[in-house]
Amino acid sequence: MRLLAELGRERRGQRSRARRRALAALIRYLRPNVDGLWYRDRLAQGRRIGSGLIEGACKTIVGRRLKHGGARWPVPRVANVAALCCLLYSDEWEAFGRTDAA
């Protein structure tokens, strides 16, 4: 990707050790995540780029299940309940049931 090459050149041209380290850290972050950076293409395909919708769904769906009156959830089980809620609302519940029974 052109951005990574440009950042690499910028890093090599820096005299400041702190800036070279900062750019190296940025490159290390971007390299494995570069496939998720095509925002213009994602928008053109009608796909969302923000996380607000997902965050709101998590808060509402998982929160609704965990905050029932009288419900007590040990912390380790909260992740299990959240995973089950995600399966249910992603239309994967039946597929999960088939693999779980197998």
N, C-alpha and C. Protein backbone atom coordinates (compact mmCIF):
# COMPACT_ATOMS: atom_id res chain seq x y z
N MET A 1 0.85 -1.18 0.00
CA MET A 1 0.00 0.00 0.00
C MET A 1 0.89 1.24 0.00
N ARG A 2 0.47 2.21 -0.76
CA ARG A 2 1.25 3.43 -0.92
C ARG A 2 1.46 4.18 0.40
N LEU A 3 0.43 4.20 1.24
CA LEU A 3 0.54 4.90 2.52
C LEU A 3 1.65 4.31 3.38
N LEU A 4 1.74 2.99 3.46
CA LEU A 4 2.77 2.35 4.26
C LEU A 4 4.16 2.66 3.72
N ALA A 5 4.30 2.67 2.40
CA ALA A 5 5.60 3.00 1.80
C ALA A 5 5.98 4.44 2.13
N GLU A 6 5.02 5.33 2.04
CA GLU A 6 5.29 6.74 2.34
C GLU A 6 5.65 6.94 3.81
N LEU A 7 4.95 6.25 4.69
CA LEU A 7 5.28 6.34 6.11
C LEU A 7 6.67 5.78 6.39
N GLY A 8 7.05 4.71 5.69
CA GLY A 8 8.38 4.14 5.84
C GLY A 8 9.46 5.13 5.42
N ARG A 9 9.24 5.80 4.30
CA ARG A 9 10.21 6.82 3.84
C ARG A 9 10.29 7.97 4.84
N GLU A 10 9.13 8.38 5.34
CA GLU A 10 9.10 9.46 6.33
C GLU A 10 9.87 9.06 7.59
N ARG A 11 9.68 7.82 8.03
CA ARG A 11 10.37 7.34 9.23
C ARG A 11 11.88 7.34 9.02
N ARG A 12 12.33 6.85 7.88
CA ARG A 12 13.78 6.82 7.60
C ARG A 12 14.38 8.21 7.52
N GLY A 13 13.58 9.19 7.11
CA GLY A 13 14.08 10.55 6.97
C GLY A 13 14.07 11.36 8.26
N GLN A 14 13.53 10.82 9.30
CA GLN A 14 13.42 11.55 10.57
C GLN A 14 14.74 11.54 11.33
N ARG A 15 15.09 12.68 11.86
CA ARG A 15 16.29 12.76 12.73
C ARG A 15 15.93 12.44 14.17
N SER A 16 14.70 12.77 14.52
CA SER A 16 14.25 12.57 15.91
C SER A 16 13.97 11.09 16.16
N ARG A 17 14.64 10.57 17.17
CA ARG A 17 14.44 9.16 17.53
C ARG A 17 12.99 8.91 17.97
N ALA A 18 12.42 9.85 18.70
CA ALA A 18 11.04 9.71 19.18
C ALA A 18 10.07 9.66 18.00
N ARG A 19 10.29 10.49 17.00
CA ARG A 19 9.40 10.48 15.83
C ARG A 19 9.57 9.19 15.03
N ARG A 20 10.82 8.70 14.90
CA ARG A 20 11.04 7.43 14.19
C ARG A 20 10.29 6.31 14.91
N ARG A 21 10.37 6.29 16.22
CA ARG A 21 9.67 5.25 17.00
C ARG A 21 8.16 5.37 16.84
N ALA A 22 7.65 6.60 16.87
CA ALA A 22 6.21 6.80 16.73
C ALA A 22 5.73 6.34 15.35
N LEU A 23 6.50 6.68 14.32
CA LEU A 23 6.12 6.24 12.98
C LEU A 23 6.23 4.73 12.84
N ALA A 24 7.24 4.13 13.46
CA ALA A 24 7.38 2.68 13.42
C ALA A 24 6.18 2.01 14.09
N ALA A 25 5.74 2.57 15.20
CA ALA A 25 4.58 2.02 15.91
C ALA A 25 3.32 2.15 15.04
N LEU A 26 3.17 3.27 14.37
CA LEU A 26 2.03 3.47 13.48
C LEU A 26 2.05 2.46 12.34
N ILE A 27 3.20 2.25 11.76
CA ILE A 27 3.34 1.28 10.67
C ILE A 27 3.02 -0.13 11.16
N ARG A 28 3.50 -0.48 12.35
CA ARG A 28 3.21 -1.81 12.91
C ARG A 28 1.71 -2.00 13.14
N TYR A 29 1.02 -0.92 13.51
CA TYR A 29 -0.43 -1.01 13.69
C TYR A 29 -1.15 -1.13 12.35
N LEU A 30 -0.76 -0.30 11.39
CA LEU A 30 -1.47 -0.25 10.12
C LEU A 30 -1.27 -1.50 9.27
N ARG A 31 -0.07 -2.04 9.28
CA ARG A 31 0.23 -3.16 8.37
C ARG A 31 -0.79 -4.31 8.48
N PRO A 32 -1.07 -4.85 9.66
CA PRO A 32 -2.04 -5.95 9.71
C PRO A 32 -3.49 -5.50 9.56
N ASN A 33 -3.75 -4.19 9.67
CA ASN A 33 -5.12 -3.68 9.60
C ASN A 33 -5.43 -2.97 8.29
N VAL A 34 -4.53 -3.05 7.34
CA VAL A 34 -4.68 -2.27 6.12
C VAL A 34 -5.94 -2.64 5.33
N ASP A 35 -6.40 -3.87 5.40
CA ASP A 35 -7.59 -4.27 4.66
C ASP A 35 -8.85 -3.61 5.18
N GLY A 36 -8.84 -3.11 6.38
CA GLY A 36 -10.01 -2.45 6.93
C GLY A 36 -10.03 -0.95 6.71
N LEU A 37 -9.09 -0.43 5.93
CA LEU A 37 -8.96 1.01 5.76
C LEU A 37 -9.63 1.57 4.50
N TRP A 38 -10.28 0.75 3.74
CA TRP A 38 -10.85 1.18 2.46
C TRP A 38 -12.23 1.79 2.67
N TYR A 39 -12.28 2.89 3.39
CA TYR A 39 -13.55 3.50 3.76
C TYR A 39 -14.36 3.96 2.55
N ARG A 40 -13.73 4.57 1.58
CA ARG A 40 -14.44 5.07 0.40
C ARG A 40 -15.13 3.91 -0.33
N ASP A 41 -14.41 2.80 -0.49
CA ASP A 41 -14.99 1.63 -1.15
C ASP A 41 -16.14 1.05 -0.35
N ARG A 42 -15.97 0.98 0.95
CA ARG A 42 -17.03 0.42 1.81
C ARG A 42 -18.29 1.29 1.73
N LEU A 43 -18.13 2.60 1.75
CA LEU A 43 -19.27 3.50 1.65
C LEU A 43 -19.95 3.35 0.30
N ALA A 44 -19.17 3.22 -0.77
CA ALA A 44 -19.73 3.05 -2.12
C ALA A 44 -20.54 1.77 -2.22
N GLN A 45 -20.19 0.76 -1.45
CA GLN A 45 -20.92 -0.52 -1.44
C GLN A 45 -22.12 -0.48 -0.50
N GLY A 46 -22.33 0.67 0.16
CA GLY A 46 -23.44 0.79 1.08
C GLY A 46 -23.17 0.19 2.44
N ARG A 47 -21.90 -0.10 2.72
CA ARG A 47 -21.53 -0.68 4.02
C ARG A 47 -21.15 0.43 4.98
N ARG A 48 -21.43 0.20 6.24
CA ARG A 48 -21.12 1.20 7.26
C ARG A 48 -19.64 1.15 7.62
N ILE A 49 -19.14 2.29 8.10
CA ILE A 49 -17.75 2.33 8.54
C ILE A 49 -17.62 2.66 10.02
N GLY A 50 -18.70 3.09 10.63
CA GLY A 50 -18.66 3.44 12.04
C GLY A 50 -19.07 2.26 12.92
N SER A 51 -18.74 2.36 14.18
CA SER A 51 -19.07 1.28 15.11
C SER A 51 -20.27 1.63 15.99
N GLY A 52 -20.83 2.80 15.82
CA GLY A 52 -21.92 3.25 16.68
C GLY A 52 -23.13 2.33 16.65
N LEU A 53 -23.48 1.82 15.47
CA LEU A 53 -24.63 0.93 15.35
C LEU A 53 -24.40 -0.34 16.16
N ILE A 54 -23.22 -0.92 16.04
CA ILE A 54 -22.90 -2.15 16.76
C ILE A 54 -22.84 -1.88 18.26
N GLU A 55 -22.21 -0.79 18.64
CA GLU A 55 -22.11 -0.47 20.06
C GLU A 55 -23.49 -0.26 20.68
N GLY A 56 -24.36 0.41 19.95
CA GLY A 56 -25.72 0.63 20.44
C GLY A 56 -26.48 -0.68 20.58
N ALA A 57 -26.30 -1.56 19.59
CA ALA A 57 -26.98 -2.87 19.66
C ALA A 57 -26.48 -3.67 20.85
N CYS A 58 -25.19 -3.66 21.08
CA CYS A 58 -24.63 -4.38 22.23
C CYS A 58 -25.21 -3.85 23.53
N LYS A 59 -25.25 -2.56 23.64
CA LYS A 59 -25.76 -1.94 24.87
C LYS A 59 -27.22 -2.31 25.10
N THR A 60 -28.00 -2.27 24.03
CA THR A 60 -29.42 -2.54 24.15
C THR A 60 -29.72 -4.03 24.34
N ILE A 61 -29.20 -4.85 23.43
CA ILE A 61 -29.54 -6.27 23.42
C ILE A 61 -28.94 -7.00 24.62
N VAL A 62 -27.66 -6.84 24.81
CA VAL A 62 -27.00 -7.54 25.92
C VAL A 62 -27.47 -6.94 27.24
N GLY A 63 -27.55 -5.63 27.30
CA GLY A 63 -27.99 -4.97 28.53
C GLY A 63 -29.38 -5.41 28.94
N ARG A 64 -30.27 -5.56 27.96
CA ARG A 64 -31.64 -5.98 28.25
C ARG A 64 -31.65 -7.35 28.94
N ARG A 65 -30.82 -8.25 28.46
CA ARG A 65 -30.79 -9.60 29.02
C ARG A 65 -30.14 -9.62 30.41
N LEU A 66 -29.10 -8.84 30.58
CA LEU A 66 -28.34 -8.89 31.83
C LEU A 66 -28.98 -8.09 32.95
N LYS A 67 -29.87 -7.17 32.61
CA LYS A 67 -30.43 -6.29 33.63
C LYS A 67 -31.86 -6.64 34.03
N HIS A 68 -32.27 -7.85 33.78
CA HIS A 68 -33.60 -8.28 34.22
C HIS A 68 -33.71 -8.12 35.73
N GLY A 69 -34.90 -7.77 36.19
CA GLY A 69 -35.11 -7.64 37.61
C GLY A 69 -34.78 -8.94 38.35
N GLY A 70 -33.97 -8.85 39.34
CA GLY A 70 -33.59 -10.01 40.14
C GLY A 70 -32.49 -10.87 39.54
N ALA A 71 -32.06 -10.55 38.34
CA ALA A 71 -31.01 -11.36 37.69
C ALA A 71 -29.66 -11.08 38.35
N ARG A 72 -28.90 -12.13 38.56
CA ARG A 72 -27.55 -12.00 39.12
C ARG A 72 -26.62 -12.77 38.21
N TRP A 73 -25.67 -12.10 37.62
CA TRP A 73 -24.75 -12.73 36.66
C TRP A 73 -23.33 -12.64 37.17
N PRO A 74 -22.71 -13.79 37.45
CA PRO A 74 -21.28 -13.77 37.77
C PRO A 74 -20.51 -13.27 36.54
N VAL A 75 -19.50 -12.48 36.78
CA VAL A 75 -18.76 -11.85 35.68
C VAL A 75 -18.31 -12.83 34.60
N PRO A 76 -17.76 -14.02 34.93
CA PRO A 76 -17.33 -14.93 33.86
C PRO A 76 -18.47 -15.38 32.95
N ARG A 77 -19.70 -15.39 33.45
CA ARG A 77 -20.82 -15.84 32.63
C ARG A 77 -21.40 -14.75 31.74
N VAL A 78 -21.07 -13.51 32.00
CA VAL A 78 -21.58 -12.41 31.20
C VAL A 78 -21.14 -12.57 29.74
N ALA A 79 -19.89 -12.95 29.52
CA ALA A 79 -19.40 -13.14 28.15
C ALA A 79 -20.18 -14.24 27.44
N ASN A 80 -20.51 -15.29 28.15
CA ASN A 80 -21.30 -16.38 27.55
C ASN A 80 -22.70 -15.90 27.16
N VAL A 81 -23.33 -15.15 28.04
CA VAL A 81 -24.66 -14.63 27.75
C VAL A 81 -24.60 -13.67 26.57
N ALA A 82 -23.57 -12.82 26.52
CA ALA A 82 -23.41 -11.88 25.41
C ALA A 82 -23.23 -12.64 24.09
N ALA A 83 -22.43 -13.70 24.10
CA ALA A 83 -22.22 -14.49 22.89
C ALA A 83 -23.52 -15.12 22.41
N LEU A 84 -24.32 -15.63 23.34
CA LEU A 84 -25.60 -16.22 22.96
C LEU A 84 -26.55 -15.17 22.39
N CYS A 85 -26.56 -13.99 22.99
CA CYS A 85 -27.39 -12.90 22.46
C CYS A 85 -26.97 -12.55 21.04
N CYS A 86 -25.68 -12.50 20.81
CA CYS A 86 -25.17 -12.18 19.47
C CYS A 86 -25.60 -13.24 18.46
N LEU A 87 -25.52 -14.51 18.85
CA LEU A 87 -25.98 -15.58 17.96
C LEU A 87 -27.46 -15.44 17.64
N LEU A 88 -28.24 -15.17 18.64
CA LEU A 88 -29.68 -15.06 18.46
C LEU A 88 -30.05 -13.93 17.50
N TYR A 89 -29.45 -12.77 17.68
CA TYR A 89 -29.81 -11.62 16.89
C TYR A 89 -29.09 -11.55 15.54
N SER A 90 -28.14 -12.45 15.29
CA SER A 90 -27.45 -12.47 14.00
C SER A 90 -28.00 -13.57 13.10
N ASP A 91 -29.10 -14.17 13.47
CA ASP A 91 -29.71 -15.26 12.71
C ASP A 91 -28.81 -16.47 12.59
N GLU A 92 -27.90 -16.66 13.52
CA GLU A 92 -27.00 -17.81 13.52
C GLU A 92 -27.38 -18.83 14.59
N TRP A 93 -28.47 -18.59 15.30
CA TRP A 93 -28.86 -19.45 16.41
C TRP A 93 -29.07 -20.89 15.97
N GLU A 94 -29.79 -21.09 14.88
CA GLU A 94 -30.06 -22.45 14.42
C GLU A 94 -28.78 -23.15 13.97
N ALA A 95 -27.91 -22.43 13.27
CA ALA A 95 -26.64 -23.03 12.85
C ALA A 95 -25.81 -23.42 14.08
N PHE A 96 -25.84 -22.58 15.10
CA PHE A 96 -25.12 -22.90 16.34
C PHE A 96 -25.70 -24.16 16.98
N GLY A 97 -27.03 -24.24 17.00
CA GLY A 97 -27.68 -25.42 17.58
C GLY A 97 -27.30 -26.70 16.84
N ARG A 98 -27.19 -26.63 15.53
CA ARG A 98 -26.80 -27.81 14.75
C ARG A 98 -25.38 -28.22 15.05
N THR A 99 -24.45 -27.29 15.17
CA THR A 99 -23.06 -27.65 15.44
C THR A 99 -22.88 -28.06 16.89
N ASP A 100 -23.65 -27.48 17.80
CA ASP A 100 -23.53 -27.82 19.20
C ASP A 100 -24.00 -29.24 19.47
N ALA A 101 -25.04 -29.66 18.76
CA ALA A 101 -25.58 -31.00 18.97
C ALA A 101 -24.72 -32.07 18.33
N ALA A 102 -23.91 -31.70 17.38
CA ALA A 102 -23.10 -32.68 16.64
C ALA A 102 -21.92 -33.16 17.43
